[in-house]
């Protein structure tokens, strides 16, 4: 696995681009299945939290819900003008909030564990000298 190198903005852009790509795949192969979209959201959230720099760990749980919303818009099933598209987006977000919460939780847990490991590594030399 590559070392974490994404900045906070880069992590958010990676997640948005990945989720738009996932939405396209879901539209082409699965008929705009939001179940498949939500299922594929979980590894994207995990990858985002794993590849972001240690200094920007807090941005991973913030960026992945935005990416979920950015990707779900094309497959949300809204019809008509802007109002219909927005209603489709709001409906998709409310009906599939479980996937949104699960992916955000995955990103947050990975970020917390990574931060704890980093803090533990910083304190390790101090414990050895005492």
N, C-alpha and C. Protein backbone atom coordinates (compact mmCIF):
# COMPACT_ATOMS: atom_id res chain seq x y z
N UNK A 1 0.84 -1.17 0.00
CA UNK A 1 0.00 0.00 0.00
C UNK A 1 0.89 1.24 0.00
N UNK A 2 0.55 2.25 -0.81
CA UNK A 2 1.39 3.44 -0.85
C UNK A 2 1.33 4.23 0.46
N UNK A 3 2.40 4.97 0.69
CA UNK A 3 2.43 5.82 1.88
C UNK A 3 1.38 6.91 1.78
N UNK A 4 0.86 7.39 2.90
CA UNK A 4 -0.13 8.47 2.85
C UNK A 4 0.51 9.77 2.35
N UNK A 5 -0.01 10.29 1.28
CA UNK A 5 0.56 11.51 0.71
C UNK A 5 -0.50 12.54 0.34
N UNK A 6 -1.76 12.23 0.45
CA UNK A 6 -2.80 13.17 0.04
C UNK A 6 -2.98 14.25 1.10
N UNK A 7 -3.10 15.48 0.64
CA UNK A 7 -3.45 16.56 1.56
C UNK A 7 -4.94 16.45 1.88
N UNK A 8 -5.43 17.31 2.72
CA UNK A 8 -6.86 17.30 3.02
C UNK A 8 -7.69 17.56 1.78
N UNK A 9 -7.29 18.56 0.99
CA UNK A 9 -8.00 18.86 -0.24
C UNK A 9 -7.85 17.72 -1.25
N UNK A 10 -6.66 17.17 -1.34
CA UNK A 10 -6.43 16.05 -2.26
C UNK A 10 -7.24 14.84 -1.88
N UNK A 11 -7.38 14.57 -0.58
CA UNK A 11 -8.21 13.46 -0.13
C UNK A 11 -9.67 13.66 -0.50
N UNK A 12 -10.15 14.89 -0.32
CA UNK A 12 -11.53 15.18 -0.70
C UNK A 12 -11.76 15.06 -2.20
N UNK A 13 -10.80 15.55 -2.97
CA UNK A 13 -10.92 15.45 -4.43
C UNK A 13 -10.83 14.00 -4.90
N UNK A 14 -9.93 13.23 -4.26
CA UNK A 14 -9.83 11.80 -4.59
C UNK A 14 -11.16 11.11 -4.31
N UNK A 15 -11.74 11.36 -3.15
CA UNK A 15 -12.99 10.72 -2.78
C UNK A 15 -14.12 11.14 -3.72
N UNK A 16 -14.19 12.42 -4.07
CA UNK A 16 -15.24 12.89 -4.99
C UNK A 16 -15.08 12.26 -6.36
N UNK A 17 -13.86 12.25 -6.87
CA UNK A 17 -13.63 11.65 -8.19
C UNK A 17 -13.94 10.16 -8.18
N UNK A 18 -13.54 9.48 -7.11
CA UNK A 18 -13.80 8.04 -7.02
C UNK A 18 -15.30 7.76 -6.94
N UNK A 19 -16.03 8.57 -6.21
CA UNK A 19 -17.46 8.32 -6.07
C UNK A 19 -18.23 8.67 -7.35
N UNK A 20 -17.77 9.67 -8.09
CA UNK A 20 -18.40 9.95 -9.38
C UNK A 20 -18.13 8.78 -10.34
N UNK A 21 -16.92 8.24 -10.28
CA UNK A 21 -16.59 7.06 -11.10
C UNK A 21 -17.44 5.85 -10.68
N UNK A 22 -17.60 5.65 -9.38
CA UNK A 22 -18.45 4.57 -8.88
C UNK A 22 -19.89 4.76 -9.33
N UNK A 23 -20.36 6.01 -9.31
CA UNK A 23 -21.73 6.29 -9.77
C UNK A 23 -21.88 5.94 -11.24
N UNK A 24 -20.86 6.26 -12.03
CA UNK A 24 -20.92 5.89 -13.44
C UNK A 24 -20.94 4.39 -13.65
N UNK A 25 -20.15 3.67 -12.89
CA UNK A 25 -20.15 2.21 -12.97
C UNK A 25 -21.50 1.65 -12.54
N UNK A 26 -22.06 2.20 -11.47
CA UNK A 26 -23.38 1.73 -11.02
C UNK A 26 -24.45 2.03 -12.05
N UNK A 27 -24.36 3.17 -12.71
CA UNK A 27 -25.34 3.52 -13.73
C UNK A 27 -25.23 2.60 -14.94
N UNK A 28 -24.00 2.30 -15.35
CA UNK A 28 -23.80 1.47 -16.53
C UNK A 28 -24.10 -0.01 -16.28
N UNK A 29 -23.62 -0.54 -15.17
CA UNK A 29 -23.69 -1.97 -14.94
C UNK A 29 -24.88 -2.43 -14.10
N UNK A 30 -25.33 -1.59 -13.19
CA UNK A 30 -26.34 -2.02 -12.23
C UNK A 30 -27.63 -1.21 -12.27
N UNK A 31 -27.81 -0.42 -13.30
CA UNK A 31 -29.06 0.33 -13.42
C UNK A 31 -29.29 1.34 -12.32
N UNK A 32 -28.25 2.08 -11.96
CA UNK A 32 -28.32 3.12 -10.92
C UNK A 32 -28.69 2.56 -9.55
N UNK A 33 -28.16 1.41 -9.22
CA UNK A 33 -28.45 0.79 -7.92
C UNK A 33 -27.74 1.55 -6.81
N UNK A 34 -28.52 2.13 -5.92
CA UNK A 34 -27.93 2.86 -4.79
C UNK A 34 -27.39 1.91 -3.74
N UNK A 35 -27.85 0.66 -3.74
CA UNK A 35 -27.29 -0.33 -2.83
C UNK A 35 -25.83 -0.62 -3.20
N UNK A 36 -25.58 -0.84 -4.47
CA UNK A 36 -24.21 -1.10 -4.94
C UNK A 36 -23.35 0.14 -4.73
N UNK A 37 -23.93 1.31 -4.98
CA UNK A 37 -23.20 2.57 -4.77
C UNK A 37 -22.78 2.70 -3.30
N UNK A 38 -23.70 2.43 -2.38
CA UNK A 38 -23.38 2.51 -0.97
C UNK A 38 -22.35 1.48 -0.55
N UNK A 39 -22.46 0.30 -1.11
CA UNK A 39 -21.50 -0.76 -0.80
C UNK A 39 -20.10 -0.39 -1.27
N UNK A 40 -20.00 0.22 -2.43
CA UNK A 40 -18.70 0.64 -2.95
C UNK A 40 -18.18 1.92 -2.29
N UNK A 41 -19.06 2.62 -1.59
CA UNK A 41 -18.64 3.82 -0.86
C UNK A 41 -17.73 3.46 0.32
N UNK A 42 -17.96 2.31 0.93
CA UNK A 42 -17.18 1.93 2.11
C UNK A 42 -15.68 1.79 1.82
N UNK A 43 -15.26 1.08 0.75
CA UNK A 43 -13.82 1.02 0.49
C UNK A 43 -13.23 2.36 0.05
N UNK A 44 -14.02 3.20 -0.60
CA UNK A 44 -13.51 4.52 -0.97
C UNK A 44 -13.27 5.35 0.28
N UNK A 45 -14.18 5.26 1.24
CA UNK A 45 -14.00 5.99 2.51
C UNK A 45 -12.77 5.48 3.25
N UNK A 46 -12.57 4.17 3.25
CA UNK A 46 -11.40 3.60 3.92
C UNK A 46 -10.11 4.02 3.23
N UNK A 47 -10.10 3.97 1.90
CA UNK A 47 -8.90 4.35 1.16
C UNK A 47 -8.57 5.82 1.37
N UNK A 48 -9.58 6.66 1.42
CA UNK A 48 -9.34 8.08 1.66
C UNK A 48 -8.72 8.30 3.03
N UNK A 49 -9.23 7.62 4.04
CA UNK A 49 -8.69 7.77 5.39
C UNK A 49 -7.29 7.18 5.51
N UNK A 50 -6.98 6.17 4.73
CA UNK A 50 -5.65 5.56 4.79
C UNK A 50 -4.60 6.37 4.02
N UNK A 51 -5.00 7.06 2.96
CA UNK A 51 -4.02 7.73 2.10
C UNK A 51 -3.83 9.20 2.39
N UNK A 52 -4.57 9.75 3.34
CA UNK A 52 -4.40 11.16 3.67
C UNK A 52 -3.19 11.32 4.60
N UNK A 53 -2.52 12.45 4.50
CA UNK A 53 -1.33 12.69 5.33
C UNK A 53 -1.70 12.72 6.81
N UNK A 54 -0.75 12.38 7.68
CA UNK A 54 -1.05 12.42 9.12
C UNK A 54 -1.48 13.80 9.62
N UNK A 55 -0.94 14.85 9.03
CA UNK A 55 -1.32 16.20 9.46
C UNK A 55 -2.75 16.55 9.09
N UNK A 56 -3.31 15.86 8.11
CA UNK A 56 -4.65 16.17 7.62
C UNK A 56 -5.66 15.07 7.94
N UNK A 57 -5.42 14.29 8.96
CA UNK A 57 -6.30 13.17 9.27
C UNK A 57 -7.74 13.59 9.57
N UNK A 58 -7.91 14.76 10.13
CA UNK A 58 -9.25 15.20 10.50
C UNK A 58 -10.14 15.44 9.29
N UNK A 59 -9.52 15.65 8.12
CA UNK A 59 -10.32 15.95 6.93
C UNK A 59 -10.97 14.71 6.31
N UNK A 60 -10.47 13.53 6.61
CA UNK A 60 -11.04 12.32 5.99
C UNK A 60 -12.51 12.11 6.36
N UNK A 61 -12.89 12.16 7.63
CA UNK A 61 -14.31 11.98 7.94
C UNK A 61 -15.19 13.15 7.51
N UNK A 62 -14.57 14.26 7.14
CA UNK A 62 -15.34 15.41 6.66
C UNK A 62 -15.55 15.32 5.15
N UNK A 63 -14.54 14.86 4.44
CA UNK A 63 -14.60 14.84 2.99
C UNK A 63 -15.41 13.70 2.41
N UNK A 64 -15.46 12.56 3.09
CA UNK A 64 -16.17 11.42 2.48
C UNK A 64 -17.69 11.60 2.40
N UNK A 65 -18.36 12.24 3.35
CA UNK A 65 -19.80 12.47 3.13
C UNK A 65 -20.07 13.43 1.97
N UNK A 66 -19.18 14.40 1.79
CA UNK A 66 -19.33 15.31 0.66
C UNK A 66 -19.17 14.54 -0.64
N UNK A 67 -18.22 13.61 -0.67
CA UNK A 67 -18.00 12.79 -1.86
C UNK A 67 -19.20 11.89 -2.12
N UNK A 68 -19.82 11.36 -1.07
CA UNK A 68 -21.02 10.54 -1.23
C UNK A 68 -22.11 11.35 -1.92
N UNK A 69 -22.32 12.57 -1.46
CA UNK A 69 -23.36 13.42 -2.05
C UNK A 69 -23.02 13.82 -3.47
N UNK A 70 -21.74 14.08 -3.74
CA UNK A 70 -21.33 14.47 -5.09
C UNK A 70 -21.55 13.32 -6.08
N UNK A 71 -21.29 12.12 -5.65
CA UNK A 71 -21.44 10.98 -6.54
C UNK A 71 -22.87 10.49 -6.68
N UNK A 72 -23.68 10.67 -5.66
CA UNK A 72 -25.04 10.14 -5.72
C UNK A 72 -25.95 11.02 -6.59
N UNK A 73 -25.56 12.25 -6.84
CA UNK A 73 -26.41 13.14 -7.61
C UNK A 73 -26.74 12.60 -9.01
N UNK A 74 -25.77 12.11 -9.78
CA UNK A 74 -26.12 11.63 -11.13
C UNK A 74 -27.04 10.40 -11.14
N UNK A 75 -27.04 9.60 -10.09
CA UNK A 75 -27.85 8.38 -10.10
C UNK A 75 -29.04 8.46 -9.14
N UNK A 76 -29.33 9.66 -8.64
CA UNK A 76 -30.38 9.78 -7.63
C UNK A 76 -31.79 9.61 -8.18
N UNK A 77 -31.95 9.73 -9.47
CA UNK A 77 -33.27 9.47 -10.06
C UNK A 77 -34.19 10.66 -10.09
N UNK A 78 -33.68 11.85 -9.91
CA UNK A 78 -34.53 13.03 -10.01
C UNK A 78 -34.94 13.29 -11.44
N UNK A 79 -36.11 13.88 -11.62
CA UNK A 79 -36.58 14.17 -12.98
C UNK A 79 -36.98 15.64 -13.06
N UNK A 80 -37.08 16.12 -14.24
CA UNK A 80 -37.50 17.50 -14.43
C UNK A 80 -36.34 18.46 -14.34
N UNK A 81 -36.61 19.63 -13.84
CA UNK A 81 -35.61 20.69 -13.76
C UNK A 81 -34.74 20.57 -12.52
N UNK A 82 -34.23 21.70 -12.10
CA UNK A 82 -33.34 21.74 -10.95
C UNK A 82 -34.05 21.28 -9.67
N UNK A 83 -35.30 21.68 -9.52
CA UNK A 83 -36.07 21.27 -8.34
C UNK A 83 -36.24 19.76 -8.26
N UNK A 84 -36.52 19.14 -9.38
CA UNK A 84 -36.67 17.68 -9.41
C UNK A 84 -35.36 16.98 -9.11
N UNK A 85 -34.26 17.50 -9.64
CA UNK A 85 -32.95 16.93 -9.36
C UNK A 85 -32.59 17.06 -7.88
N UNK A 86 -32.87 18.22 -7.29
CA UNK A 86 -32.59 18.41 -5.87
C UNK A 86 -33.45 17.50 -4.99
N UNK A 87 -34.71 17.32 -5.37
CA UNK A 87 -35.58 16.42 -4.60
C UNK A 87 -35.10 14.98 -4.71
N UNK A 88 -34.63 14.58 -5.89
CA UNK A 88 -34.06 13.24 -6.05
C UNK A 88 -32.81 13.07 -5.19
N UNK A 89 -31.97 14.10 -5.14
CA UNK A 89 -30.76 14.05 -4.33
C UNK A 89 -31.09 13.95 -2.85
N UNK A 90 -32.01 14.79 -2.39
CA UNK A 90 -32.40 14.77 -0.98
C UNK A 90 -33.04 13.43 -0.62
N UNK A 91 -33.86 12.90 -1.50
CA UNK A 91 -34.49 11.60 -1.25
C UNK A 91 -33.46 10.49 -1.18
N UNK A 92 -32.50 10.50 -2.10
CA UNK A 92 -31.46 9.46 -2.10
C UNK A 92 -30.60 9.56 -0.84
N UNK A 93 -30.27 10.77 -0.44
CA UNK A 93 -29.45 10.94 0.77
C UNK A 93 -30.21 10.51 2.02
N UNK A 94 -31.50 10.80 2.08
CA UNK A 94 -32.25 10.42 3.28
C UNK A 94 -32.54 8.93 3.33
N UNK A 95 -32.83 8.33 2.18
CA UNK A 95 -33.15 6.91 2.17
C UNK A 95 -31.92 6.02 2.32
N UNK A 96 -30.76 6.52 1.98
CA UNK A 96 -29.53 5.73 2.06
C UNK A 96 -28.54 6.35 3.03
N UNK A 97 -29.07 6.96 4.08
CA UNK A 97 -28.22 7.58 5.09
C UNK A 97 -27.39 6.55 5.84
N UNK A 98 -27.86 5.33 5.91
CA UNK A 98 -27.09 4.28 6.60
C UNK A 98 -25.73 4.06 5.96
N UNK A 99 -25.69 4.04 4.62
CA UNK A 99 -24.40 3.91 3.93
C UNK A 99 -23.53 5.13 4.19
N UNK A 100 -24.14 6.29 4.19
CA UNK A 100 -23.41 7.52 4.44
C UNK A 100 -22.80 7.52 5.84
N UNK A 101 -23.58 7.13 6.83
CA UNK A 101 -23.07 7.05 8.20
C UNK A 101 -22.01 5.97 8.34
N UNK A 102 -22.22 4.83 7.70
CA UNK A 102 -21.25 3.73 7.81
C UNK A 102 -19.91 4.12 7.21
N UNK A 103 -19.91 4.75 6.04
CA UNK A 103 -18.66 5.18 5.43
C UNK A 103 -17.96 6.26 6.22
N UNK A 104 -18.74 7.18 6.77
CA UNK A 104 -18.15 8.22 7.61
C UNK A 104 -17.56 7.61 8.87
N UNK A 105 -18.24 6.63 9.45
CA UNK A 105 -17.73 5.95 10.62
C UNK A 105 -16.45 5.19 10.31
N UNK A 106 -16.40 4.53 9.16
CA UNK A 106 -15.18 3.82 8.76
C UNK A 106 -14.02 4.80 8.64
N UNK A 107 -14.24 5.92 7.98
CA UNK A 107 -13.17 6.93 7.82
C UNK A 107 -12.76 7.50 9.17
N UNK A 108 -13.72 7.76 10.05
CA UNK A 108 -13.39 8.32 11.36
C UNK A 108 -12.62 7.31 12.22
N UNK A 109 -13.03 6.05 12.20
CA UNK A 109 -12.31 5.04 12.98
C UNK A 109 -10.88 4.85 12.49
N UNK A 110 -10.69 4.82 11.19
CA UNK A 110 -9.34 4.68 10.65
C UNK A 110 -8.50 5.89 11.02
N UNK A 111 -9.09 7.09 10.94
CA UNK A 111 -8.35 8.30 11.29
C UNK A 111 -7.98 8.31 12.77
N UNK A 112 -8.88 7.89 13.64
CA UNK A 112 -8.59 7.86 15.08
C UNK A 112 -7.50 6.84 15.40
N UNK A 113 -7.58 5.66 14.79
CA UNK A 113 -6.56 4.63 15.03
C UNK A 113 -5.20 5.10 14.52
N UNK A 114 -5.18 5.69 13.33
CA UNK A 114 -3.91 6.18 12.80
C UNK A 114 -3.32 7.28 13.70
N UNK A 115 -4.17 8.16 14.20
CA UNK A 115 -3.69 9.23 15.09
C UNK A 115 -3.17 8.66 16.40
N UNK A 116 -3.85 7.66 16.94
CA UNK A 116 -3.39 7.02 18.18
C UNK A 116 -2.04 6.34 17.98
N UNK A 117 -1.86 5.69 16.85
CA UNK A 117 -0.57 5.04 16.55
C UNK A 117 0.53 6.08 16.43
N UNK A 118 0.23 7.19 15.77
CA UNK A 118 1.23 8.26 15.63
C UNK A 118 1.61 8.85 16.99
N UNK A 119 0.65 9.06 17.85
CA UNK A 119 0.94 9.58 19.18
C UNK A 119 1.73 8.57 19.99
N UNK A 120 1.37 7.29 19.87
CA UNK A 120 2.11 6.24 20.57
C UNK A 120 3.56 6.16 20.11
N UNK A 121 3.80 6.33 18.83
CA UNK A 121 5.17 6.29 18.31
C UNK A 121 5.98 7.48 18.80
N UNK A 122 5.34 8.63 18.94
CA UNK A 122 6.05 9.81 19.44
C UNK A 122 6.42 9.67 20.91
N UNK A 123 5.57 9.02 21.68
CA UNK A 123 5.83 8.87 23.12
C UNK A 123 6.72 7.68 23.46
N UNK A 124 6.88 6.77 22.52
CA UNK A 124 7.69 5.57 22.78
C UNK A 124 9.12 5.90 23.20
N UNK A 125 9.86 6.75 22.53
CA UNK A 125 11.22 7.05 22.97
C UNK A 125 11.27 7.67 24.37
N UNK A 126 10.29 8.43 24.75
CA UNK A 126 10.26 9.04 26.08
C UNK A 126 10.10 7.96 27.16
N UNK A 127 9.31 6.95 26.89
CA UNK A 127 9.11 5.88 27.87
C UNK A 127 10.39 5.07 28.05
N UNK A 128 11.14 4.89 26.99
CA UNK A 128 12.37 4.10 27.07
C UNK A 128 13.45 4.81 27.86
N UNK A 129 13.46 6.15 27.87
CA UNK A 129 14.51 6.90 28.57
C UNK A 129 14.19 7.08 30.04
N UNK A 130 12.97 6.88 30.43
CA UNK A 130 12.61 7.11 31.84
C UNK A 130 12.92 5.93 32.70
